[in-house]
C-alpha atoms as a PDB file:
ATOM      1  CA  MET A   1       0.795 -28.705  -2.656  1.00  0.00           C
ATOM      2  CA  GLN A   2       3.613 -26.171  -2.444  1.00  0.00           C
ATOM      3  CA  PHE A   3       6.442 -26.749  -4.927  1.00  0.00           C
ATOM      4  CA  ILE A   4       8.657 -23.845  -3.889  1.00  0.00           C
ATOM      5  CA  PRO A   5      10.415 -24.142  -0.474  1.00  0.00           C
ATOM      6  CA  TYR A   6      10.104 -20.524   0.652  1.00  0.00           C
ATOM      7  CA  SER A   7      11.989 -21.311   3.847  1.00  0.00           C
ATOM      8  CA  LEU A   8      15.129 -21.326   1.676  1.00  0.00           C
ATOM      9  CA  TYR A   9      14.556 -17.718   0.545  1.00  0.00           C
ATOM     10  CA  PRO A  10      17.169 -16.216   2.939  1.00  0.00           C
ATOM     11  CA  LEU A  11      19.818 -18.667   1.740  1.00  0.00           C
ATOM     12  CA  LEU A  12      19.168 -18.850  -2.001  1.00  0.00           C
ATOM     13  CA  VAL A  13      17.065 -15.955  -3.303  1.00  0.00           C
ATOM     14  CA  LYS A  14      17.847 -13.043  -0.997  1.00  0.00           C
ATOM     15  CA  PRO A  15      21.623 -13.075  -1.681  1.00  0.00           C
ATOM     16  CA  LEU A  16      20.942 -12.870  -5.423  1.00  0.00           C
ATOM     17  CA  ILE A  17      18.460 -10.034  -5.020  1.00  0.00           C
ATOM     18  CA  PHE A  18      20.762  -8.095  -2.706  1.00  0.00           C
ATOM     19  CA  CYS A  19      23.610  -8.333  -5.218  1.00  0.00           C
ATOM     20  CA  MET A  20      21.565  -6.131  -7.532  1.00  0.00           C
ATOM     21  CA  ASP A  21      20.788  -2.448  -7.372  1.00  0.00           C
ATOM     22  CA  PRO A  22      17.491  -2.183  -5.393  1.00  0.00           C
ATOM     23  CA  GLU A  23      15.419  -0.840  -8.278  1.00  0.00           C
ATOM     24  CA  ARG A  24      16.875  -3.346 -10.725  1.00  0.00           C
ATOM     25  CA  ALA A  25      16.009  -6.114  -8.259  1.00  0.00           C
ATOM     26  CA  HIS A  26      12.497  -4.688  -7.962  1.00  0.00           C
ATOM     27  CA  ASP A  27      12.048  -4.603 -11.734  1.00  0.00           C
ATOM     28  CA  THR A  28      13.407  -8.149 -12.086  1.00  0.00           C
ATOM     29  CA  LEU A  29      10.943  -9.373  -9.457  1.00  0.00           C
ATOM     30  CA  ILE A  30       7.968  -7.637 -11.062  1.00  0.00           C
ATOM     31  CA  ASN A  31       8.860  -8.750 -14.578  1.00  0.00           C
ATOM     32  CA  SER A  32       9.260 -12.359 -13.435  1.00  0.00           C
ATOM     33  CA  ALA A  33       6.062 -12.239 -11.379  1.00  0.00           C
ATOM     34  CA  ALA A  34       4.171 -10.714 -14.302  1.00  0.00           C
ATOM     35  CA  LEU A  35       5.365 -13.476 -16.623  1.00  0.00           C
ATOM     36  CA  ILE A  36       4.340 -16.129 -14.092  1.00  0.00           C
ATOM     37  CA  SER A  37       0.902 -14.518 -13.854  1.00  0.00           C
ATOM     38  CA  GLN A  38       0.479 -14.297 -17.637  1.00  0.00           C
ATOM     39  CA  LYS A  39       1.548 -17.900 -18.226  1.00  0.00           C
ATOM     40  CA  ASN A  40      -0.760 -19.227 -15.482  1.00  0.00           C
ATOM     41  CA  LEU A  41       2.167 -20.743 -13.603  1.00  0.00           C
ATOM     42  CA  THR A  42       1.046 -19.485 -10.197  1.00  0.00           C
ATOM     43  CA  SER A  43       0.150 -22.994  -8.983  1.00  0.00           C
ATOM     44  CA  ILE A  44       3.881 -23.753  -8.828  1.00  0.00           C
ATOM     45  CA  PHE A  45       4.414 -20.839  -6.441  1.00  0.00           C
ATOM     46  CA  LYS A  46       1.249 -21.284  -4.404  1.00  0.00           C
ATOM     47  CA  GLN A  47       1.765 -21.037  -0.655  1.00  0.00           C
ATOM     48  CA  GLU A  48      -0.916 -22.618   1.520  1.00  0.00           C
ATOM     49  CA  VAL A  49      -1.877 -20.415   4.450  1.00  0.00           C
ATOM     50  CA  ALA A  50      -4.287 -20.841   7.337  1.00  0.00           C
ATOM     51  CA  ASN A  51      -7.907 -19.825   6.856  1.00  0.00           C
ATOM     52  CA  SER A  52      -8.494 -16.585   8.760  1.00  0.00           C
ATOM     53  CA  PRO A  53     -11.405 -14.662   7.202  1.00  0.00           C
ATOM     54  CA  VAL A  54     -12.365 -11.153   8.260  1.00  0.00           C
ATOM     55  CA  GLU A  55     -15.160  -8.848   7.107  1.00  0.00           C
ATOM     56  CA  ILE A  56     -14.614  -5.086   7.054  1.00  0.00           C
ATOM     57  CA  MET A  57     -15.941  -2.178   4.976  1.00  0.00           C
ATOM     58  CA  GLY A  58     -18.553  -4.570   3.631  1.00  0.00           C
ATOM     59  CA  LEU A  59     -15.812  -6.713   2.061  1.00  0.00           C
ATOM     60  CA  LYS A  60     -14.914 -10.302   2.892  1.00  0.00           C
ATOM     61  CA  PHE A  61     -11.152 -10.883   3.149  1.00  0.00           C
ATOM     62  CA  LYS A  62      -9.690 -14.388   3.091  1.00  0.00           C
ATOM     63  CA  ASN A  63      -7.256 -13.210   5.740  1.00  0.00           C
ATOM     64  CA  PRO A  64      -6.217  -9.795   7.106  1.00  0.00           C
ATOM     65  CA  VAL A  65      -2.672  -9.737   5.672  1.00  0.00           C
ATOM     66  CA  GLY A  66      -2.233  -7.724   2.495  1.00  0.00           C
ATOM     67  CA  LEU A  67       0.412  -6.476   0.095  1.00  0.00           C
ATOM     68  CA  ALA A  68       0.971  -2.726   0.407  1.00  0.00           C
ATOM     69  CA  ALA A  69       0.873  -0.392  -2.575  1.00  0.00           C
ATOM     70  CA  GLY A  70       4.157   0.404  -4.285  1.00  0.00           C
ATOM     71  CA  LEU A  71       5.368  -3.060  -5.192  1.00  0.00           C
ATOM     72  CA  ASP A  72       2.973  -3.874  -8.035  1.00  0.00           C
ATOM     73  CA  LYS A  73       2.391  -0.326  -9.268  1.00  0.00           C
ATOM     74  CA  ASN A  74       0.804  -1.301 -12.578  1.00  0.00           C
ATOM     75  CA  ALA A  75      -1.183  -4.361 -11.456  1.00  0.00           C
ATOM     76  CA  GLU A  76       1.008  -6.584 -13.627  1.00  0.00           C
ATOM     77  CA  ALA A  77       1.544  -9.437 -11.164  1.00  0.00           C
ATOM     78  CA  ILE A  78      -1.622  -9.695  -9.086  1.00  0.00           C
ATOM     79  CA  ASP A  79      -2.047 -13.427  -9.646  1.00  0.00           C
ATOM     80  CA  PHE A  80       1.516 -14.199  -8.574  1.00  0.00           C
ATOM     81  CA  PHE A  81       1.306 -12.200  -5.367  1.00  0.00           C
ATOM     82  CA  GLY A  82      -2.101 -13.679  -4.709  1.00  0.00           C
ATOM     83  CA  SER A  83      -0.599 -17.161  -4.896  1.00  0.00           C
ATOM     84  CA  LEU A  84       1.710 -16.289  -1.985  1.00  0.00           C
ATOM     85  CA  GLY A  85      -1.275 -16.222   0.358  1.00  0.00           C
ATOM     86  CA  PHE A  86      -2.159 -12.548   0.680  1.00  0.00           C
ATOM     87  CA  GLY A  87      -5.739 -11.891   1.718  1.00  0.00           C
ATOM     88  CA  PHE A  88      -5.748  -8.682  -0.290  1.00  0.00           C
ATOM     89  CA  ILE A  89      -3.479  -6.836  -2.705  1.00  0.00           C
ATOM     90  CA  GLU A  90      -3.209  -3.087  -3.163  1.00  0.00           C
ATOM     91  CA  VAL A  91      -1.827  -1.972  -6.512  1.00  0.00           C
ATOM     92  CA  GLY A  92      -0.614   1.466  -7.585  1.00  0.00           C
ATOM     93  CA  THR A  93      -0.182   4.251  -6.783  1.00  0.00           C
ATOM     94  CA  VAL A  94      -1.527   5.057 -10.245  1.00  0.00           C
ATOM     95  CA  THR A  95      -1.925   8.452 -11.923  1.00  0.00           C
ATOM     96  CA  PRO A  96      -4.033   9.529 -14.920  1.00  0.00           C
ATOM     97  CA  LYS A  97      -1.038   9.768 -17.257  1.00  0.00           C
ATOM     98  CA  ALA A  98       2.047   7.598 -17.376  1.00  0.00           C
ATOM     99  CA  GLN A  99       5.101   9.204 -15.778  1.00  0.00           C
ATOM    100  CA  ASP A 100       8.725   8.262 -15.231  1.00  0.00           C
ATOM    101  CA  GLY A 101       9.001   9.467 -11.649  1.00  0.00           C
ATOM    102  CA  ASN A 102      12.118  10.941 -10.082  1.00  0.00           C
ATOM    103  CA  GLU A 103      15.685  10.582 -11.323  1.00  0.00           C
ATOM    104  CA  LYS A 104      17.659   7.437 -10.524  1.00  0.00           C
ATOM    105  CA  PRO A 105      19.043   6.195  -8.221  1.00  0.00           C
ATOM    106  CA  ARG A 106      15.877   6.478  -6.139  1.00  0.00           C
ATOM    107  CA  MET A 107      15.711   3.348  -3.996  1.00  0.00           C
ATOM    108  CA  PHE A 108      18.111   2.445  -1.189  1.00  0.00           C
ATOM    109  CA  ARG A 109      18.332  -0.430   1.274  1.00  0.00           C
ATOM    110  CA  ILE A 110      19.019   0.269   4.957  1.00  0.00           C
ATOM    111  CA  LYS A 111      20.182  -3.304   5.495  1.00  0.00           C
ATOM    112  CA  ASP A 112      21.106  -3.069   9.172  1.00  0.00           C
ATOM    113  CA  ALA A 113      17.581  -1.901  10.005  1.00  0.00           C
ATOM    114  CA  GLU A 114      15.601  -3.919   7.416  1.00  0.00           C
ATOM    115  CA  GLY A 115      14.434  -0.639   5.948  1.00  0.00           C
ATOM    116  CA  ILE A 116      14.066   0.870   2.481  1.00  0.00           C
ATOM    117  CA  ILE A 117      14.230   4.502   1.412  1.00  0.00           C
ATOM    118  CA  ASN A 118      12.534   5.315  -1.872  1.00  0.00           C
ATOM    119  CA  ARG A 119      11.839   8.474  -3.811  1.00  0.00           C
ATOM    120  CA  MET A 120      10.251   6.834  -6.828  1.00  0.00           C
ATOM    121  CA  GLY A 121       7.753   9.640  -7.414  1.00  0.00           C
ATOM    122  CA  PHE A 122       4.673   7.691  -8.542  1.00  0.00           C
ATOM    123  CA  ASN A 123       6.419   6.115 -11.540  1.00  0.00           C
ATOM    124  CA  ASN A 124       3.732   4.148 -13.392  1.00  0.00           C
ATOM    125  CA  LYS A 125       2.297   3.411 -16.823  1.00  0.00           C
ATOM    126  CA  GLY A 126      -0.942   5.323 -16.292  1.00  0.00           C
ATOM    127  CA  VAL A 127      -4.443   4.415 -15.208  1.00  0.00           C
ATOM    128  CA  ASP A 128      -5.599   3.020 -18.580  1.00  0.00           C
ATOM    129  CA  ASN A 129      -2.788   0.464 -18.549  1.00  0.00           C
ATOM    130  CA  LEU A 130      -3.591  -0.517 -14.969  1.00  0.00           C
ATOM    131  CA  VAL A 131      -7.284  -1.009 -15.786  1.00  0.00           C
ATOM    132  CA  GLU A 132      -6.433  -3.373 -18.642  1.00  0.00           C
ATOM    133  CA  ASN A 133      -4.322  -5.435 -16.233  1.00  0.00           C
ATOM    134  CA  LEU A 134      -7.113  -5.512 -13.658  1.00  0.00           C
ATOM    135  CA  LYS A 135      -9.453  -6.927 -16.297  1.00  0.00           C
ATOM    136  CA  THR A 136      -7.232  -9.967 -16.870  1.00  0.00           C
ATOM    137  CA  ALA A 137      -6.406 -10.771 -13.228  1.00  0.00           C
ATOM    138  CA  ASN A 138      -7.741 -14.102 -11.919  1.00  0.00           C
ATOM    139  CA  TYR A 139      -6.953 -13.523  -8.233  1.00  0.00           C
ATOM    140  CA  ASP A 140      -9.989 -14.344  -6.076  1.00  0.00           C
ATOM    141  CA  GLY A 141      -9.063 -12.061  -3.167  1.00  0.00           C
ATOM    142  CA  ILE A 142      -9.711  -8.388  -2.498  1.00  0.00           C
ATOM    143  CA  ILE A 143      -7.977  -5.879  -4.789  1.00  0.00           C
ATOM    144  CA  GLY A 144      -7.414  -2.284  -3.729  1.00  0.00           C
ATOM    145  CA  VAL A 145      -6.210   0.459  -6.056  1.00  0.00           C
ATOM    146  CA  SER A 146      -4.163   3.377  -4.747  1.00  0.00           C
ATOM    147  CA  ILE A 147      -4.711   6.592  -6.708  1.00  0.00           C
ATOM    148  CA  GLY A 148      -2.750   9.849  -6.846  1.00  0.00           C
ATOM    149  CA  LYS A 149      -2.009  12.879  -8.979  1.00  0.00           C
ATOM    150  CA  ASN A 150       0.529  13.441 -11.736  1.00  0.00           C
ATOM    151  CA  GLU A 151       3.590  15.447 -10.732  1.00  0.00           C
ATOM    152  CA  THR A 152       2.853  18.067 -13.409  1.00  0.00           C
ATOM    153  CA  THR A 153      -0.654  18.674 -12.042  1.00  0.00           C
ATOM    154  CA  PRO A 154      -0.685  21.648  -9.639  1.00  0.00           C
ATOM    155  CA  VAL A 155      -1.808  20.619  -6.176  1.00  0.00           C
ATOM    156  CA  GLU A 156      -4.760  23.021  -6.379  1.00  0.00           C
ATOM    157  CA  ASN A 157      -5.976  21.030  -9.409  1.00  0.00           C
ATOM    158  CA  ALA A 158      -5.353  17.613  -7.869  1.00  0.00           C
ATOM    159  CA  LEU A 159      -9.053  16.762  -7.619  1.00  0.00           C
ATOM    160  CA  SER A 160      -9.367  16.285 -11.382  1.00  0.00           C
ATOM    161  CA  ASP A 161      -6.599  13.652 -11.348  1.00  0.00           C
ATOM    162  CA  TYR A 162      -8.129  11.743  -8.442  1.00  0.00           C
ATOM    163  CA  LEU A 163     -11.571  11.858 -10.054  1.00  0.00           C
ATOM    164  CA  GLU A 164     -10.248  10.547 -13.368  1.00  0.00           C
ATOM    165  CA  CYS A 165      -8.460   7.651 -11.699  1.00  0.00           C
ATOM    166  CA  MET A 166     -11.439   6.872  -9.497  1.00  0.00           C
ATOM    167  CA  GLN A 167     -13.876   6.861 -12.408  1.00  0.00           C
ATOM    168  CA  LYS A 168     -11.690   4.515 -14.438  1.00  0.00           C
ATOM    169  CA  VAL A 169     -10.804   1.974 -11.734  1.00  0.00           C
ATOM    170  CA  TYR A 170     -14.121   1.952  -9.849  1.00  0.00           C
ATOM    171  CA  GLN A 171     -15.707  -0.893 -11.784  1.00  0.00           C
ATOM    172  CA  TYR A 172     -12.683  -3.172 -11.301  1.00  0.00           C
ATOM    173  CA  ALA A 173     -11.567  -2.350  -7.738  1.00  0.00           C
ATOM    174  CA  ASP A 174     -12.850  -3.729  -4.440  1.00  0.00           C
ATOM    175  CA  TYR A 175     -11.683  -0.589  -2.628  1.00  0.00           C
ATOM    176  CA  ILE A 176      -9.875   2.605  -3.609  1.00  0.00           C
ATOM    177  CA  ALA A 177      -7.068   4.136  -1.539  1.00  0.00           C
ATOM    178  CA  ILE A 178      -6.663   7.907  -1.788  1.00  0.00           C
ATOM    179  CA  ASN A 179      -2.956   8.588  -1.435  1.00  0.00           C
ATOM    180  CA  VAL A 180      -2.435  12.115  -0.084  1.00  0.00           C
ATOM    181  CA  SER A 181       0.646  11.302   1.971  1.00  0.00           C
ATOM    182  CA  CYS A 182       3.500  10.164  -0.276  1.00  0.00           C
ATOM    183  CA  PRO A 183       6.516  12.395   0.504  1.00  0.00           C
ATOM    184  CA  ASN A 184       8.058  11.873  -2.948  1.00  0.00           C
ATOM    185  CA  THR A 185       5.629  13.937  -5.031  1.00  0.00           C
ATOM    186  CA  PRO A 186       6.054  17.731  -4.602  1.00  0.00           C
ATOM    187  CA  ASN A 187       3.354  19.357  -2.446  1.00  0.00           C
ATOM    188  CA  LEU A 188       1.204  16.215  -2.304  1.00  0.00           C
ATOM    189  CA  THR A 189       1.229  16.083   1.499  1.00  0.00           C
ATOM    190  CA  LYS A 190      -0.314  19.585   1.565  1.00  0.00           C
ATOM    191  CA  LEU A 191      -3.575  17.839   0.704  1.00  0.00           C
ATOM    192  CA  GLN A 192      -3.642  16.514   4.287  1.00  0.00           C
ATOM    193  CA  ALA A 193      -4.377  19.994   5.668  1.00  0.00           C
ATOM    194  CA  LYS A 194      -8.001  20.377   6.739  1.00  0.00           C
ATOM    195  CA  GLU A 195      -9.408  22.659   4.022  1.00  0.00           C
ATOM    196  CA  PRO A 196      -7.602  21.038   1.052  1.00  0.00           C
ATOM    197  CA  LEU A 197      -8.589  17.619   2.387  1.00  0.00           C
ATOM    198  CA  VAL A 198     -12.272  18.558   2.571  1.00  0.00           C
ATOM    199  CA  ASN A 199     -12.092  20.049  -0.925  1.00  0.00           C
ATOM    200  CA  LEU A 200     -10.653  16.776  -2.199  1.00  0.00           C
ATOM    201  CA  LEU A 201     -12.608  14.154  -0.279  1.00  0.00           C
ATOM    202  CA  LYS A 202     -16.077  15.692  -0.412  1.00  0.00           C
ATOM    203  CA  PRO A 203     -16.315  15.594  -4.234  1.00  0.00           C
ATOM    204  CA  LEU A 204     -14.831  12.078  -4.232  1.00  0.00           C
ATOM    205  CA  LYS A 205     -17.569  10.901  -1.870  1.00  0.00           C
ATOM    206  CA  GLN A 206     -20.158  12.522  -4.114  1.00  0.00           C
ATOM    207  CA  GLU A 207     -18.634  10.779  -7.128  1.00  0.00           C
ATOM    208  CA  GLN A 208     -18.652   7.503  -5.214  1.00  0.00           C
ATOM    209  CA  LYS A 209     -22.438   7.775  -4.888  1.00  0.00           C
ATOM    210  CA  LYS A 210     -22.850   8.418  -8.624  1.00  0.00           C
ATOM    211  CA  LEU A 211     -20.597   5.500  -9.542  1.00  0.00           C
ATOM    212  CA  GLN A 212     -22.409   3.221  -7.102  1.00  0.00           C
ATOM    213  CA  GLU A 213     -25.665   3.933  -8.925  1.00  0.00           C
ATOM    214  CA  LYS A 214     -24.017   3.535 -12.326  1.00  0.00           C
ATOM    215  CA  TYR A 215     -22.381   0.175 -11.604  1.00  0.00           C
ATOM    216  CA  ASP A 216     -24.694  -1.089  -8.852  1.00  0.00           C
ATOM    217  CA  LYS A 217     -21.583  -1.614  -6.746  1.00  0.00           C
ATOM    218  CA  TYR A 218     -20.305   0.133  -3.619  1.00  0.00           C
ATOM    219  CA  VAL A 219     -16.525   0.560  -3.612  1.00  0.00           C
ATOM    220  CA  PRO A 220     -15.142   1.828  -0.266  1.00  0.00           C
ATOM    221  CA  LEU A 221     -12.819   4.835  -0.183  1.00  0.00           C
ATOM    222  CA  VAL A 222      -9.798   4.643   2.136  1.00  0.00           C
ATOM    223  CA  VAL A 223      -7.559   7.611   3.006  1.00  0.00           C
ATOM    224  CA  LYS A 224      -3.827   6.914   3.401  1.00  0.00           C
ATOM    225  CA  ILE A 225      -2.089   9.270   5.816  1.00  0.00           C
ATOM    226  CA  SER A 226       1.478  10.166   6.786  1.00  0.00           C
ATOM    227  CA  PRO A 227       3.272   8.995   9.944  1.00  0.00           C
ATOM    228  CA  ASP A 228       4.833  12.453  10.295  1.00  0.00           C
ATOM    229  CA  LEU A 229       1.686  14.323  11.361  1.00  0.00           C
ATOM    230  CA  ASP A 230       1.427  15.947  14.784  1.00  0.00           C
ATOM    231  CA  ASP A 231      -1.576  15.449  17.040  1.00  0.00           C
ATOM    232  CA  GLU A 232      -3.372  18.571  15.814  1.00  0.00           C
ATOM    233  CA  ALA A 233      -3.054  17.500  12.184  1.00  0.00           C
ATOM    234  CA  LEU A 234      -4.264  14.008  13.074  1.00  0.00           C
ATOM    235  CA  GLU A 235      -7.273  15.482  14.865  1.00  0.00           C
ATOM    236  CA  ASN A 236      -8.143  17.532  11.778  1.00  0.00           C
ATOM    237  CA  ILE A 237      -7.793  14.584   9.403  1.00  0.00           C
ATOM    238  CA  CYS A 238      -9.818  12.270  11.596  1.00  0.00           C
ATOM    239  CA  SER A 239     -12.602  14.829  12.037  1.00  0.00           C
ATOM    240  CA  VAL A 240     -12.787  15.303   8.254  1.00  0.00           C
ATOM    241  CA  CYS A 241     -12.820  11.566   7.555  1.00  0.00           C
ATOM    242  CA  MET A 242     -15.500  10.942  10.170  1.00  0.00           C
ATOM    243  CA  GLU A 243     -17.652  13.866   9.054  1.00  0.00           C
ATOM    244  CA  LEU A 244     -17.510  12.834   5.398  1.00  0.00           C
ATOM    245  CA  LYS A 245     -18.062   9.187   6.287  1.00  0.00           C
ATOM    246  CA  MET A 246     -14.939   7.873   4.636  1.00  0.00           C
ATOM    247  CA  ASP A 247     -14.895   4.087   4.617  1.00  0.00           C
ATOM    248  CA  GLY A 248     -11.465   3.579   6.153  1.00  0.00           C
ATOM    249  CA  MET A 249      -7.986   4.956   6.786  1.00  0.00           C
ATOM    250  CA  THR A 250      -4.524   3.508   6.192  1.00  0.00           C
ATOM    251  CA  CYS A 251      -1.908   4.236   8.862  1.00  0.00           C
ATOM    252  CA  THR A 252       0.668   4.899   7.502  1.00  0.00           C
ATOM    253  CA  ASN A 253       2.684   5.888   4.457  1.00  0.00           C
ATOM    254  CA  THR A 254       6.486   6.166   4.541  1.00  0.00           C
ATOM    255  CA  THR A 255       8.280   8.654   6.812  1.00  0.00           C
ATOM    256  CA  VAL A 256      10.765  11.449   6.167  1.00  0.00           C
ATOM    257  CA  SER A 257      12.153  11.026   9.681  1.00  0.00           C
ATOM    258  CA  ARG A 258      15.645   9.559   9.974  1.00  0.00           C
ATOM    259  CA  GLN A 259      15.860   9.336  13.742  1.00  0.00           C
ATOM    260  CA  MET A 260      15.541   5.550  13.688  1.00  0.00           C
ATOM    261  CA  VAL A 261      18.317   4.995  11.134  1.00  0.00           C
ATOM    262  CA  HIS A 262      20.690   7.845  11.955  1.00  0.00           C
ATOM    263  CA  ALA A 263      24.291   7.167  10.858  1.00  0.00           C
ATOM    264  CA  LEU A 264      23.396   3.958   8.974  1.00  0.00           C
ATOM    265  CA  ASP A 265      24.335   3.496   5.315  1.00  0.00           C
ATOM    266  CA  HIS A 266      22.128   5.567   2.963  1.00  0.00           C
ATOM    267  CA  ALA A 267      20.252   7.150   5.883  1.00  0.00           C
ATOM    268  CA  ASN A 268      20.880  10.631   4.495  1.00  0.00           C
ATOM    269  CA  GLU A 269      19.145   9.915   1.178  1.00  0.00           C
ATOM    270  CA  TRP A 270      15.930  11.889   0.772  1.00  0.00           C
ATOM    271  CA  GLY A 271      12.632  10.080   0.278  1.00  0.00           C
ATOM    272  CA  GLY A 272      10.218   7.949   2.263  1.00  0.00           C
ATOM    273  CA  LEU A 273      11.562   5.414   4.754  1.00  0.00           C
ATOM    274  CA  SER A 274       9.663   2.131   5.146  1.00  0.00           C
ATOM    275  CA  GLY A 275      10.170  -1.218   6.825  1.00  0.00           C
ATOM    276  CA  GLN A 276      11.189  -2.095  10.351  1.00  0.00           C
ATOM    277  CA  PRO A 277      12.275   1.478  11.270  1.00  0.00           C
ATOM    278  CA  LEU A 278       8.704   2.691  10.701  1.00  0.00           C
ATOM    279  CA  ARG A 279       7.208   0.252  13.206  1.00  0.00           C
ATOM    280  CA  GLU A 280       7.058   2.417  16.338  1.00  0.00           C
ATOM    281  CA  LEU A 281       6.089   5.618  14.553  1.00  0.00           C
ATOM    282  CA  GLY A 282       3.376   3.862  12.585  1.00  0.00           C
ATOM    283  CA  ASN A 283       1.989   2.286  15.744  1.00  0.00           C
ATOM    284  CA  ARG A 284       1.803   5.681  17.453  1.00  0.00           C
ATOM    285  CA  VAL A 285      -0.215   7.195  14.617  1.00  0.00           C
ATOM    286  CA  LEU A 286      -2.418   4.114  14.324  1.00  0.00           C
ATOM    287  CA  LYS A 287      -3.236   4.151  18.029  1.00  0.00           C
ATOM    288  CA  LYS A 288      -3.960   7.889  17.986  1.00  0.00           C
ATOM    289  CA  VAL A 289      -6.258   7.615  14.971  1.00  0.00           C
ATOM    290  CA  HIS A 290      -8.102   4.706  16.603  1.00  0.00           C
ATOM    291  CA  GLU A 291      -8.661   6.864  19.687  1.00  0.00           C
ATOM    292  CA  LEU A 292      -9.692   9.964  17.735  1.00  0.00           C
ATOM    293  CA  THR A 293     -12.263   7.991  15.734  1.00  0.00           C
ATOM    294  CA  ASP A 294     -13.592   6.172  18.829  1.00  0.00           C
ATOM    295  CA  GLY A 295     -12.830   2.835  17.193  1.00  0.00           C
ATOM    296  CA  LYS A 296     -15.533   3.488  14.580  1.00  0.00           C
ATOM    297  CA  MET A 297     -13.230   3.908  11.578  1.00  0.00           C
ATOM    298  CA  PRO A 298     -11.915   0.752   9.851  1.00  0.00           C
ATOM    299  CA  LEU A 299      -8.121   0.970   9.891  1.00  0.00           C
ATOM    300  CA  ILE A 300      -5.377  -0.676   7.853  1.00  0.00           C
ATOM    301  CA  GLY A 301      -2.058  -0.859   9.711  1.00  0.00           C
ATOM    302  CA  VAL A 302       1.121  -0.727   7.648  1.00  0.00           C
ATOM    303  CA  GLY A 303       4.750   0.055   8.449  1.00  0.00           C
ATOM    304  CA  GLY A 304       7.148  -2.335  10.132  1.00  0.00           C
ATOM    305  CA  VAL A 305       5.013  -5.474   9.870  1.00  0.00           C
ATOM    306  CA  THR A 306       7.772  -8.082   9.865  1.00  0.00           C
ATOM    307  CA  ASP A 307       6.461 -10.960  11.982  1.00  0.00           C
ATOM    308  CA  ALA A 308       3.581 -12.171  14.134  1.00  0.00           C
ATOM    309  CA  ILE A 309       4.441  -9.863  17.036  1.00  0.00           C
ATOM    310  CA  SER A 310       4.572  -6.688  14.945  1.00  0.00           C
ATOM    311  CA  ALA A 311       1.305  -7.686  13.251  1.00  0.00           C
ATOM    312  CA  ARG A 312      -0.331  -8.239  16.633  1.00  0.00           C
ATOM    313  CA  GLU A 313       0.812  -4.773  17.667  1.00  0.00           C
ATOM    314  CA  LYS A 314      -1.116  -3.306  14.740  1.00  0.00           C
ATOM    315  CA  PHE A 315      -4.264  -5.196  15.703  1.00  0.00           C
ATOM    316  CA  ALA A 316      -3.852  -4.206  19.364  1.00  0.00           C
ATOM    317  CA  ASN A 317      -3.602  -0.561  18.308  1.00  0.00           C
ATOM    318  CA  GLY A 318      -6.839  -0.667  16.342  1.00  0.00           C
ATOM    319  CA  ALA A 319      -6.116  -2.128  12.922  1.00  0.00           C
ATOM    320  CA  SER A 320      -8.498  -4.611  11.338  1.00  0.00           C
ATOM    321  CA  LEU A 321      -6.110  -5.348   8.465  1.00  0.00           C
ATOM    322  CA  VAL A 322      -2.341  -5.131   8.022  1.00  0.00           C
ATOM    323  CA  GLN A 323      -0.117  -4.672   5.001  1.00  0.00           C
ATOM    324  CA  LEU A 324       3.536  -5.412   4.340  1.00  0.00           C
ATOM    325  CA  TYR A 325       6.085  -4.735   1.626  1.00  0.00           C
ATOM    326  CA  SER A 326       9.649  -4.336   2.902  1.00  0.00           C
ATOM    327  CA  SER A 327       9.539  -7.485   5.021  1.00  0.00           C
ATOM    328  CA  LEU A 328       8.602  -9.488   1.914  1.00  0.00           C
ATOM    329  CA  ILE A 329      11.931  -8.407   0.442  1.00  0.00           C
ATOM    330  CA  TYR A 330      13.985  -8.960   3.594  1.00  0.00           C
ATOM    331  CA  ARG A 331      12.324 -12.145   4.876  1.00  0.00           C
ATOM    332  CA  GLY A 332      10.591 -13.713   1.899  1.00  0.00           C
ATOM    333  CA  PRO A 333       7.049 -15.048   1.340  1.00  0.00           C
ATOM    334  CA  VAL A 334       7.196 -17.235   4.460  1.00  0.00           C
ATOM    335  CA  VAL A 335       6.566 -14.093   6.525  1.00  0.00           C
ATOM    336  CA  ILE A 336       2.990 -14.063   5.190  1.00  0.00           C
ATOM    337  CA  LYS A 337       2.355 -17.638   6.260  1.00  0.00           C
ATOM    338  CA  LYS A 338       3.894 -17.143   9.707  1.00  0.00           C
ATOM    339  CA  ILE A 339       1.811 -14.055  10.474  1.00  0.00           C
ATOM    340  CA  ILE A 340      -1.450 -15.648   9.390  1.00  0.00           C
ATOM    341  CA  ALA A 341      -0.695 -18.851  11.303  1.00  0.00           C
ATOM    342  CA  ALA A 342      -0.171 -16.827  14.487  1.00  0.00           C
ATOM    343  CA  LEU A 343      -3.422 -14.882  14.286  1.00  0.00           C
END
């Protein structure tokens, strides 16, 4: 039984959230959700969704609609978000050491376009803190962990950060997302070039084999790419991922393009743009990656998933799973239920 009428979100909750500074609203949401999770009050917020199981990467998902990384960076509120009906939840991006991220303000709403620009800069409490939170989570769905490098780590030494995070979260994650595409960490996107990508992913695949033997558990590795790559760059990334037998790819991260929101409030702020404005660009990259990998690479579609139609577009362009974040803020938890019901 659902106690919370999520259909009232646009009338009651959204106005309160949108009265706050975006980051303050985010922190208020996470703190409240974390408290609900800790106090085992999730049954009050439980949203019943249709049964729509899917199996991919050797994992069984209750449904193909997931929460994208970036909202629950420290895995503090997994049980709450799980109660909303998500088939999987991706936490992070996490780094080896805690870091504050970029200077504030660093999050901006593009209200007229249902978009968000952020330049958070991988602010998080560090991988050890995240692991402790994973240990106490009761969510019975799939949990992914997005990993990255600390800002102070030179990009040429990034591998050590990714290895440390991978080694620490492996035992508690169902899959691991390798974030090489966030535009808010200096030089991070350089890791998407062919040679740096090989030098990063090859040792991670080798470590995956060692950890599989250690824990008797295979945890898939997923590569998250940018929507701002040209066809040549996409060809290089796809060839590397196929050659190294990566387990999946996420299409896409946020964009630095402003073409879709030109002249709107806050459009000139630097950072990654997400939400509805990313829909068409994300679909283009998703479709291209699906073609370049001959449909053999499991794909997660993210960017502009706001309703059943936009979710169907992702599936039509090759995705097996979809993720959302911005639309949860703009439209409320009912968006999850509506998408799953329409599958």
